[in-house]
N, C-alpha and C. Protein backbone atom coordinates (compact mmCIF):
# COMPACT_ATOMS: atom_id res chain seq x y z
N MET A 1 -15.73 -66.74 34.15
CA MET A 1 -14.58 -66.52 33.86
C MET A 1 -14.04 -65.86 34.52
N HIS A 2 -12.47 -66.39 35.28
CA HIS A 2 -11.62 -66.44 36.17
C HIS A 2 -10.47 -65.59 36.40
N GLY A 3 -11.27 -63.57 35.32
CA GLY A 3 -9.79 -62.80 35.31
C GLY A 3 -9.69 -62.91 33.58
N PRO A 4 -8.13 -62.20 33.17
CA PRO A 4 -8.16 -61.86 32.58
C PRO A 4 -7.16 -63.17 31.78
N PHE A 5 -6.61 -63.58 32.78
CA PHE A 5 -6.01 -65.17 32.82
C PHE A 5 -6.47 -66.28 32.60
N PRO A 6 -5.84 -67.28 31.88
CA PRO A 6 -6.54 -68.77 31.66
C PRO A 6 -6.57 -69.44 32.84
N PRO A 7 -7.11 -69.97 33.59
CA PRO A 7 -6.95 -70.69 35.23
C PRO A 7 -5.83 -71.90 34.93
N GLN A 8 -5.29 -72.46 34.05
CA GLN A 8 -4.61 -73.52 34.52
C GLN A 8 -3.83 -73.46 32.94
N GLY A 9 -2.59 -73.11 32.42
CA GLY A 9 -1.94 -73.70 31.50
C GLY A 9 -2.33 -73.52 30.26
N GLY A 10 -2.82 -72.05 30.09
CA GLY A 10 -3.55 -71.25 28.90
C GLY A 10 -4.64 -71.98 28.33
N ASN A 11 -5.63 -72.58 29.42
CA ASN A 11 -6.94 -73.00 29.08
C ASN A 11 -7.58 -72.14 29.13
N LEU A 12 -9.05 -71.71 28.52
CA LEU A 12 -10.28 -70.94 28.95
C LEU A 12 -10.96 -72.17 28.55
N PRO A 13 -12.49 -71.41 29.78
CA PRO A 13 -13.64 -72.11 29.64
C PRO A 13 -14.25 -72.27 27.92
N CYS A 14 -14.65 -73.16 28.10
CA CYS A 14 -15.56 -73.37 27.08
C CYS A 14 -16.94 -73.60 26.78
N ARG A 15 -17.66 -72.47 26.06
CA ARG A 15 -18.78 -71.81 25.59
C ARG A 15 -20.30 -73.22 25.58
N GLY A 16 -19.58 -73.90 24.43
CA GLY A 16 -20.45 -75.01 24.52
C GLY A 16 -21.10 -75.73 25.61
N ALA A 17 -21.84 -77.17 25.27
CA ALA A 17 -23.01 -77.57 26.46
C ALA A 17 -22.42 -78.18 27.17
N ASP A 18 -20.84 -78.78 27.16
CA ASP A 18 -20.15 -79.38 29.05
C ASP A 18 -18.76 -77.49 28.50
N SER A 19 -18.70 -77.96 29.89
CA SER A 19 -17.49 -76.77 30.84
C SER A 19 -16.63 -77.60 31.33
N ARG A 20 -15.40 -78.20 30.27
CA ARG A 20 -14.59 -78.64 29.50
C ARG A 20 -13.80 -77.49 29.65
N TYR A 21 -12.11 -77.27 29.64
CA TYR A 21 -11.35 -76.38 29.38
C TYR A 21 -10.74 -76.53 28.07
N ILE A 22 -10.82 -75.83 26.82
CA ILE A 22 -9.72 -76.68 25.61
C ILE A 22 -8.85 -75.22 25.32
N PRO A 23 -7.39 -75.47 24.91
CA PRO A 23 -6.72 -74.44 25.54
C PRO A 23 -7.19 -73.88 23.59
N LEU A 24 -6.14 -72.47 23.57
CA LEU A 24 -6.32 -71.34 23.26
C LEU A 24 -5.84 -71.55 21.52
N ASN A 25 -6.28 -71.32 20.71
CA ASN A 25 -5.50 -71.53 19.22
C ASN A 25 -4.72 -69.95 19.29
N MET A 26 -4.18 -70.65 17.83
CA MET A 26 -2.63 -69.07 18.05
C MET A 26 -4.16 -68.27 17.07
N GLN A 27 -5.17 -68.48 16.06
CA GLN A 27 -5.29 -67.55 16.17
C GLN A 27 -6.93 -66.69 16.80
N GLN A 28 -7.16 -67.08 17.95
CA GLN A 28 -7.30 -66.50 18.85
C GLN A 28 -7.07 -66.00 19.77
N THR A 29 -5.12 -66.13 20.21
CA THR A 29 -4.60 -65.21 20.91
C THR A 29 -4.15 -64.17 20.20
N GLU A 30 -4.11 -64.70 18.43
CA GLU A 30 -3.76 -63.23 17.58
C GLU A 30 -5.00 -62.12 17.78
N ASN A 31 -6.19 -62.79 17.54
CA ASN A 31 -6.97 -61.72 17.37
C ASN A 31 -7.06 -61.05 18.95
N ILE A 32 -6.86 -61.55 20.08
CA ILE A 32 -7.00 -60.69 21.49
C ILE A 32 -5.82 -59.59 21.70
N TRP A 33 -4.61 -60.28 20.36
CA TRP A 33 -3.75 -59.08 20.84
C TRP A 33 -3.51 -58.02 20.21
N ASN A 34 -4.63 -58.48 19.01
CA ASN A 34 -4.99 -57.23 17.85
C ASN A 34 -5.66 -56.17 18.54
N LEU A 35 -6.84 -56.52 19.16
CA LEU A 35 -7.92 -55.99 19.69
C LEU A 35 -7.39 -55.05 20.60
N ILE A 36 -6.32 -55.32 21.89
CA ILE A 36 -5.49 -54.79 22.41
C ILE A 36 -5.00 -53.62 22.18
N HIS A 37 -3.81 -54.15 20.82
CA HIS A 37 -3.27 -53.20 19.85
C HIS A 37 -4.41 -52.00 19.66
N ARG A 38 -5.18 -52.21 19.13
CA ARG A 38 -6.20 -51.31 18.19
C ARG A 38 -7.01 -50.43 19.87
N ILE A 39 -6.89 -50.97 20.68
CA ILE A 39 -7.38 -50.04 21.77
C ILE A 39 -6.44 -49.06 22.16
N GLY A 40 -5.66 -49.76 22.24
CA GLY A 40 -4.51 -48.87 22.87
C GLY A 40 -3.84 -48.18 21.43
N LEU A 41 -3.97 -48.04 20.46
CA LEU A 41 -3.87 -47.24 19.76
C LEU A 41 -4.90 -46.01 19.38
N ILE A 42 -5.88 -46.24 19.22
CA ILE A 42 -7.29 -45.78 19.81
C ILE A 42 -6.71 -44.76 20.68
N ALA A 43 -6.57 -45.03 21.85
CA ALA A 43 -6.59 -44.31 23.14
C ALA A 43 -5.41 -43.24 23.18
N ILE A 44 -4.18 -43.85 22.67
CA ILE A 44 -2.73 -42.88 22.17
C ILE A 44 -3.41 -41.59 21.19
N THR A 45 -3.65 -42.36 20.22
CA THR A 45 -4.86 -41.09 19.00
C THR A 45 -5.47 -40.36 19.78
N GLY A 46 -6.49 -40.65 20.49
CA GLY A 46 -7.22 -40.11 21.30
C GLY A 46 -6.51 -38.92 22.45
N MET A 47 -5.25 -39.70 23.54
CA MET A 47 -5.07 -38.38 23.77
C MET A 47 -3.94 -37.50 23.21
N ILE A 48 -3.45 -37.73 21.64
CA ILE A 48 -2.78 -36.72 21.41
C ILE A 48 -3.59 -35.20 20.60
N LEU A 49 -4.55 -36.62 20.50
CA LEU A 49 -5.79 -35.30 19.75
C LEU A 49 -5.76 -33.98 20.66
N VAL A 50 -6.93 -34.60 21.88
CA VAL A 50 -6.78 -33.89 23.19
C VAL A 50 -5.79 -32.91 23.74
N GLY A 51 -4.37 -33.06 23.51
CA GLY A 51 -3.58 -32.80 23.51
C GLY A 51 -2.87 -31.26 22.93
N ALA A 52 -3.37 -31.85 21.52
CA ALA A 52 -3.15 -30.92 20.23
C ALA A 52 -3.99 -30.02 21.11
N VAL A 53 -5.06 -30.07 20.76
CA VAL A 53 -6.94 -29.34 20.97
C VAL A 53 -6.45 -28.68 22.20
N MET A 54 -5.89 -28.77 23.20
CA MET A 54 -5.10 -27.98 24.41
C MET A 54 -4.82 -27.41 24.07
N ALA A 55 -3.45 -27.63 23.46
CA ALA A 55 -1.98 -26.83 23.27
C ALA A 55 -2.61 -25.87 21.85
N PHE A 56 -3.25 -25.64 20.92
CA PHE A 56 -3.48 -24.42 19.83
C PHE A 56 -4.66 -23.70 20.30
N THR A 57 -5.75 -24.06 21.31
CA THR A 57 -6.54 -23.46 21.92
C THR A 57 -6.12 -22.05 22.10
N PRO A 58 -5.49 -21.88 23.22
CA PRO A 58 -4.78 -20.53 23.33
C PRO A 58 -4.24 -19.76 22.49
N ARG A 59 -3.49 -20.26 21.50
CA ARG A 59 -2.84 -20.00 20.29
C ARG A 59 -3.85 -19.32 19.96
N VAL A 60 -5.29 -20.00 19.19
CA VAL A 60 -6.00 -19.34 18.24
C VAL A 60 -7.03 -18.38 19.08
N ARG A 61 -7.33 -18.12 20.51
CA ARG A 61 -7.54 -17.13 20.92
C ARG A 61 -6.79 -15.62 21.11
N GLN A 62 -4.97 -16.34 21.52
CA GLN A 62 -4.60 -14.49 21.48
C GLN A 62 -4.17 -14.53 19.70
N MET A 63 -4.79 -15.28 18.87
CA MET A 63 -4.84 -14.75 17.25
C MET A 63 -5.73 -14.27 16.78
N GLN A 64 -6.91 -14.57 17.98
CA GLN A 64 -7.78 -13.15 17.47
C GLN A 64 -8.30 -12.59 18.60
N GLU A 65 -7.64 -12.41 19.22
CA GLU A 65 -6.83 -10.97 20.37
C GLU A 65 -6.29 -9.81 19.16
N TYR A 66 -5.40 -10.60 18.73
CA TYR A 66 -4.21 -9.80 18.16
C TYR A 66 -4.85 -9.60 16.45
N GLN A 67 -6.49 -10.28 15.97
CA GLN A 67 -6.86 -9.94 14.71
C GLN A 67 -7.68 -8.46 15.23
N ASP A 68 -8.48 -8.32 16.03
CA ASP A 68 -9.09 -7.41 16.54
C ASP A 68 -8.50 -5.92 16.89
N THR A 69 -7.81 -6.21 17.59
CA THR A 69 -6.85 -5.00 17.49
C THR A 69 -6.30 -4.24 16.52
N HIS A 70 -5.31 -5.21 15.66
CA HIS A 70 -5.50 -4.97 14.16
C HIS A 70 -6.17 -4.48 13.57
N ASP A 71 -7.89 -4.50 13.82
CA ASP A 71 -8.73 -3.81 12.86
C ASP A 71 -9.25 -2.85 13.61
N SER A 72 -9.10 -2.97 15.13
CA SER A 72 -9.05 -1.46 15.77
C SER A 72 -8.07 -0.40 15.19
N LEU A 73 -6.70 -0.91 15.74
CA LEU A 73 -6.10 -0.15 14.77
C LEU A 73 -6.10 0.49 13.22
N GLN A 74 -6.53 -0.08 12.85
CA GLN A 74 -6.96 -0.24 11.31
C GLN A 74 -7.58 0.99 10.91
N GLN A 75 -8.99 0.98 11.77
CA GLN A 75 -10.31 1.86 11.82
C GLN A 75 -9.61 3.28 12.36
N ARG A 76 -8.75 3.28 13.49
CA ARG A 76 -8.17 4.86 13.92
C ARG A 76 -7.23 4.68 12.92
N ILE A 77 -6.69 4.29 12.15
CA ILE A 77 -5.66 4.60 11.06
C ILE A 77 -6.02 5.55 9.66
N GLU A 78 -7.44 5.01 9.01
CA GLU A 78 -8.25 5.48 8.94
C GLU A 78 -9.16 6.79 8.71
N VAL A 79 -9.75 6.78 10.23
CA VAL A 79 -10.55 7.72 10.65
C VAL A 79 -8.99 9.18 10.50
N THR A 80 -8.15 9.23 11.07
CA THR A 80 -6.72 9.57 10.98
C THR A 80 -6.68 10.10 10.05
N LEU A 81 -6.55 9.28 8.84
CA LEU A 81 -6.58 9.66 7.24
C LEU A 81 -7.05 10.43 6.72
N SER A 82 -8.43 10.17 6.71
CA SER A 82 -9.52 11.14 6.83
C SER A 82 -9.46 12.13 7.40
N SER A 83 -9.36 13.10 8.68
CA SER A 83 -9.23 13.92 9.16
C SER A 83 -8.06 14.71 8.62
N GLU A 84 -6.41 13.57 8.08
CA GLU A 84 -5.57 14.77 7.63
C GLU A 84 -5.98 14.71 6.34
N GLN A 85 -6.96 14.66 5.35
CA GLN A 85 -7.12 14.46 4.39
C GLN A 85 -7.84 15.91 4.31
N ASP A 86 -8.75 16.39 5.04
CA ASP A 86 -10.29 17.61 5.75
C ASP A 86 -9.37 18.67 5.79
N LEU A 87 -8.39 18.32 6.75
CA LEU A 87 -7.73 19.38 7.24
C LEU A 87 -6.63 20.06 5.67
N LYS A 88 -5.63 18.97 5.10
CA LYS A 88 -4.99 19.33 4.42
C LYS A 88 -6.12 20.19 2.57
N ASN A 89 -7.09 19.78 2.82
CA ASN A 89 -8.12 20.33 1.77
C ASN A 89 -8.21 21.96 2.80
N LYS A 90 -8.72 21.77 4.01
CA LYS A 90 -8.90 23.24 4.59
C LYS A 90 -7.90 24.11 4.23
N GLN A 91 -6.98 23.47 4.63
CA GLN A 91 -5.46 24.89 4.05
C GLN A 91 -4.94 25.00 2.57
N ARG A 92 -5.57 24.19 1.83
CA ARG A 92 -5.45 24.52 0.50
C ARG A 92 -6.65 25.76 0.28
N ARG A 93 -7.77 25.86 0.81
CA ARG A 93 -8.81 26.71 0.48
C ARG A 93 -8.43 27.99 1.24
N PHE A 94 -7.33 27.62 2.51
CA PHE A 94 -6.77 29.19 2.97
C PHE A 94 -6.01 29.84 1.86
N PHE A 95 -5.21 29.32 1.06
CA PHE A 95 -4.44 29.87 -0.01
C PHE A 95 -5.05 30.63 -0.88
N SER A 96 -6.57 29.91 -1.76
CA SER A 96 -7.16 30.06 -2.51
C SER A 96 -8.70 30.81 -2.23
N ASP A 97 -8.93 30.71 -1.28
CA ASP A 97 -10.20 30.83 -1.65
C ASP A 97 -10.65 31.93 -0.34
N PRO A 98 -10.87 33.51 -0.32
CA PRO A 98 -11.08 34.47 0.51
C PRO A 98 -12.53 34.28 1.17
N GLU A 99 -13.88 33.57 0.34
CA GLU A 99 -14.21 32.99 0.76
C GLU A 99 -14.66 32.58 1.95
N PHE A 100 -13.54 31.35 2.03
CA PHE A 100 -13.58 30.13 2.95
C PHE A 100 -13.32 30.88 4.67
N ILE A 101 -12.06 32.11 3.90
CA ILE A 101 -11.25 32.33 5.14
C ILE A 101 -12.08 33.44 5.94
N GLU A 102 -13.07 34.06 4.90
CA GLU A 102 -13.93 35.00 5.65
C GLU A 102 -15.24 34.23 6.61
N LYS A 103 -15.49 32.89 6.33
CA LYS A 103 -16.38 31.92 7.06
C LYS A 103 -15.54 31.68 8.45
N VAL A 104 -14.44 31.45 7.87
CA VAL A 104 -13.98 30.67 9.36
C VAL A 104 -13.61 31.89 10.08
N ALA A 105 -13.24 32.90 9.84
CA ALA A 105 -13.17 34.09 10.43
C ALA A 105 -14.33 34.47 11.20
N HIS A 106 -15.44 34.20 11.22
CA HIS A 106 -16.83 35.10 11.42
C HIS A 106 -17.26 33.46 12.81
N GLU A 107 -16.42 32.35 12.38
CA GLU A 107 -17.06 31.17 12.99
C GLU A 107 -16.04 31.52 14.36
N VAL A 108 -15.26 31.46 13.95
CA VAL A 108 -13.63 31.84 15.85
C VAL A 108 -14.46 33.16 16.33
N GLY A 109 -15.06 34.15 15.51
CA GLY A 109 -15.63 35.37 16.17
C GLY A 109 -14.86 36.47 15.71
N TYR A 110 -14.05 36.76 14.77
CA TYR A 110 -13.58 38.28 13.98
C TYR A 110 -14.33 38.23 13.19
N ALA A 111 -14.60 39.61 13.20
CA ALA A 111 -15.71 40.25 11.86
C ALA A 111 -14.84 41.36 11.49
N HIS A 112 -14.85 42.29 10.23
CA HIS A 112 -15.16 43.25 9.70
C HIS A 112 -15.29 44.14 10.56
N SER A 113 -14.72 45.45 10.89
CA SER A 113 -14.52 46.88 11.42
C SER A 113 -16.32 47.16 11.39
N ASP A 114 -17.47 46.93 10.54
CA ASP A 114 -18.36 47.24 10.40
C ASP A 114 -19.39 46.22 10.41
N GLU A 115 -19.29 45.43 11.03
CA GLU A 115 -19.92 43.59 11.15
C GLU A 115 -19.92 43.51 13.06
N THR A 116 -21.12 43.35 13.18
CA THR A 116 -21.46 43.08 14.63
C THR A 116 -22.16 41.01 14.07
N ILE A 117 -21.25 40.79 15.39
CA ILE A 117 -21.57 39.18 14.95
C ILE A 117 -22.38 38.71 16.49
N PHE A 118 -23.53 38.00 16.04
CA PHE A 118 -24.17 37.51 17.52
C PHE A 118 -24.28 35.81 17.43
N HIS A 119 -24.26 35.55 18.65
CA HIS A 119 -24.33 34.47 19.09
C HIS A 119 -25.47 34.31 19.66
N PHE A 120 -26.12 32.89 19.53
CA PHE A 120 -26.87 32.40 19.91
C PHE A 120 -27.09 30.91 20.76
N PRO A 121 -27.03 31.00 21.73
CA PRO A 121 -27.12 29.74 23.09
C PRO A 121 -27.69 29.18 22.06
N GLU A 122 -27.57 27.84 22.69
CA GLU A 122 -28.17 26.41 22.10
C GLU A 122 -28.88 25.91 23.00
N GLU A 123 -30.46 25.72 23.01
CA GLU A 123 -31.19 24.86 23.72
C GLU A 123 -30.47 23.82 24.03
N THR A 124 -31.02 23.41 25.41
CA THR A 124 -30.67 22.01 25.38
C THR A 124 -32.18 21.25 26.16
N GLY A 125 -32.59 19.94 26.11
CA GLY A 125 -33.78 19.61 26.41
C GLY A 125 -34.69 19.70 25.42
N SER A 126 -34.70 20.19 24.23
CA SER A 126 -35.65 20.16 23.69
C SER A 126 -35.27 20.30 22.42
N ASN A 127 -36.50 19.48 21.43
CA ASN A 127 -36.71 19.10 19.76
C ASN A 127 -36.64 20.09 19.11
N GLY A 128 -37.31 21.68 19.68
CA GLY A 128 -37.41 22.31 18.59
C GLY A 128 -38.00 23.55 19.01
N PRO A 129 -38.13 24.94 18.77
CA PRO A 129 -38.85 26.28 19.34
C PRO A 129 -40.27 25.81 19.46
N ASN A 130 -40.63 26.43 20.65
CA ASN A 130 -41.85 26.18 20.92
C ASN A 130 -42.95 27.45 20.63
N LEU A 131 -43.85 27.26 19.95
CA LEU A 131 -44.85 28.21 19.06
C LEU A 131 -45.97 28.01 20.15
C-alpha cells in the first residue's frame, strides 16, 4: 500500500491475482468514512468519560471527608447529650434524695462531725492484692 491515499486518481491496488489498480466504488468509500467517524466518536466519548471521572473524583473524595466529619460530630453530640442527661438526673436527685447528697459529699471529702473518712491510694502496676 502507498499510504492512506490512493496513488493515482482514486485507484487502489487490487488484492486479486493481478496487481492492476481498480477504482474505489461509492460503497467502499462510504465504509471507510463510516469507520473513521466511528473511531472518532469512540475517541471523543472516551475523552469525555475520562474528563468526567477526573472532574468528579475530587468532589467524591471531598464529600466522603464531609461525611466522616459529620459522623464524628454526630457521635460527639450523642456523647454530650448523654452526659447532659446524666447531669440533669444528678441535679434532680440533689433536690429529692438525701442519701445521694450524703454519698456525693463523702466522695468529695465532706463528712459529719462524728465521721472519719479514709482515702486509700490505688496501687498501680499490679493486678490485685499480693497474698
